[in-house]
Amino acid sequence: MFQFLEKAIIGMALLRLLSGSIEIFVAFLFIKFNDIEKALMINSSLALIGPLILIITTTIGLVGIADKISFMKLIWIFAGVACILYGVRSS
């Protein structure tokens, strides 16, 4: 009947819902202010939230499967996330 969700799945989903809600709220702020400079300032603040959500969500997922994968694979996953963050950072 009822299928129980893992705590890690619930945590990851809630973080993504929070992230999406913030994005939608920011879109409404763009429309409200109707100013390019303010929109750019608000948009640049999102650059801090996105990677933070990525790191936290990935960490929750990895903690959820830590007993199922090897330590070496965990290192490769964290290295991949670090490469993503390095690749998207602004210079």
Protein backbone atom coordinates (compact mmCIF):
# COMPACT_ATOMS: atom_id res chain seq x y z
CA MET A 1 0.00 0.00 0.00
CA PHE A 2 2.22 2.76 1.28
CA GLN A 3 5.75 2.87 0.11
CA PHE A 4 8.12 4.48 2.57
CA LEU A 5 10.62 6.94 1.20
CA GLU A 6 14.17 7.02 2.39
CA LYS A 7 15.19 9.98 4.52
CA ALA A 8 17.91 10.90 2.03
CA ILE A 9 15.37 11.08 -0.80
CA ILE A 10 13.06 13.30 1.23
CA GLY A 11 15.94 15.60 2.18
CA MET A 12 17.19 15.87 -1.39
CA ALA A 13 13.69 16.53 -2.74
CA LEU A 14 12.99 19.20 -0.12
CA LEU A 15 16.25 20.97 -0.93
CA ARG A 16 15.43 20.97 -4.64
CA LEU A 17 11.93 22.27 -3.92
CA LEU A 18 13.45 25.03 -1.81
CA SER A 19 15.91 25.87 -4.56
CA GLY A 20 13.17 25.98 -7.20
CA SER A 21 10.98 28.13 -4.98
CA ILE A 22 13.82 30.59 -4.52
CA GLU A 23 14.30 30.74 -8.30
CA ILE A 24 10.60 31.47 -8.86
CA PHE A 25 10.61 34.11 -6.11
CA VAL A 26 13.60 35.80 -7.75
CA ALA A 27 11.78 35.86 -11.09
CA PHE A 28 8.92 37.72 -9.42
CA LEU A 29 11.43 40.14 -7.89
CA PHE A 30 12.80 40.84 -11.38
CA ILE A 31 9.32 41.75 -12.55
CA LYS A 32 8.58 43.81 -9.43
CA PHE A 33 11.73 45.93 -9.58
CA ASN A 34 11.83 46.24 -13.38
CA ASP A 35 15.43 47.42 -13.19
CA ILE A 36 18.41 45.79 -14.93
CA GLU A 37 20.94 46.70 -12.23
CA LYS A 38 18.80 45.30 -9.42
CA ALA A 39 18.02 42.20 -11.44
CA LEU A 40 21.73 41.56 -12.00
CA MET A 41 22.47 42.02 -8.31
CA ILE A 42 19.71 39.59 -7.33
CA ASN A 43 20.77 37.14 -10.04
CA SER A 44 24.38 37.17 -8.85
CA SER A 45 23.22 36.30 -5.35
CA LEU A 46 21.68 33.15 -6.83
CA ALA A 47 25.18 32.14 -7.90
CA LEU A 48 25.87 31.48 -4.22
CA ILE A 49 22.73 29.46 -3.62
CA GLY A 50 22.98 27.10 -6.61
CA PRO A 51 26.36 25.52 -5.82
CA LEU A 52 25.47 25.33 -2.14
CA ILE A 53 22.31 23.38 -2.92
CA LEU A 54 24.31 21.14 -5.29
CA ILE A 55 26.89 20.33 -2.61
CA ILE A 56 24.34 19.70 0.14
CA THR A 57 22.10 17.57 -2.08
CA THR A 58 25.06 15.51 -3.30
CA THR A 59 26.30 15.06 0.25
CA ILE A 60 22.91 13.85 1.44
CA GLY A 61 22.75 11.40 -1.45
CA LEU A 62 26.24 10.11 -0.79
CA VAL A 63 25.56 9.64 2.90
CA GLY A 64 22.48 7.66 1.89
CA ILE A 65 24.51 5.26 -0.25
CA ALA A 66 27.82 5.38 1.60
CA ASP A 67 27.48 1.81 2.81
CA LYS A 68 26.78 0.55 -0.74
CA ILE A 69 29.75 2.01 -2.65
CA SER A 70 33.49 1.96 -2.12
CA PHE A 71 35.52 4.77 -0.65
CA MET A 72 37.34 5.26 -3.95
CA LYS A 73 34.05 5.86 -5.77
CA LEU A 74 33.10 8.46 -3.13
CA ILE A 75 36.36 10.27 -3.84
CA TRP A 76 35.63 10.22 -7.59
CA ILE A 77 32.15 11.63 -7.02
CA PHE A 78 33.45 14.47 -4.83
CA ALA A 79 36.16 15.15 -7.41
CA GLY A 80 33.48 15.36 -10.10
CA VAL A 81 31.45 17.84 -8.06
CA ALA A 82 34.60 19.88 -7.45
CA CYS A 83 35.28 19.93 -11.21
CA ILE A 84 31.73 21.13 -11.88
CA LEU A 85 32.09 23.93 -9.34
CA TYR A 86 35.49 24.90 -10.73
CA GLY A 87 34.13 24.92 -14.27
CA VAL A 88 31.19 27.19 -13.53
CA ARG A 89 32.92 29.65 -11.25
CA SER A 90 33.11 33.18 -12.56
CA SER A 91 36.53 34.59 -13.29
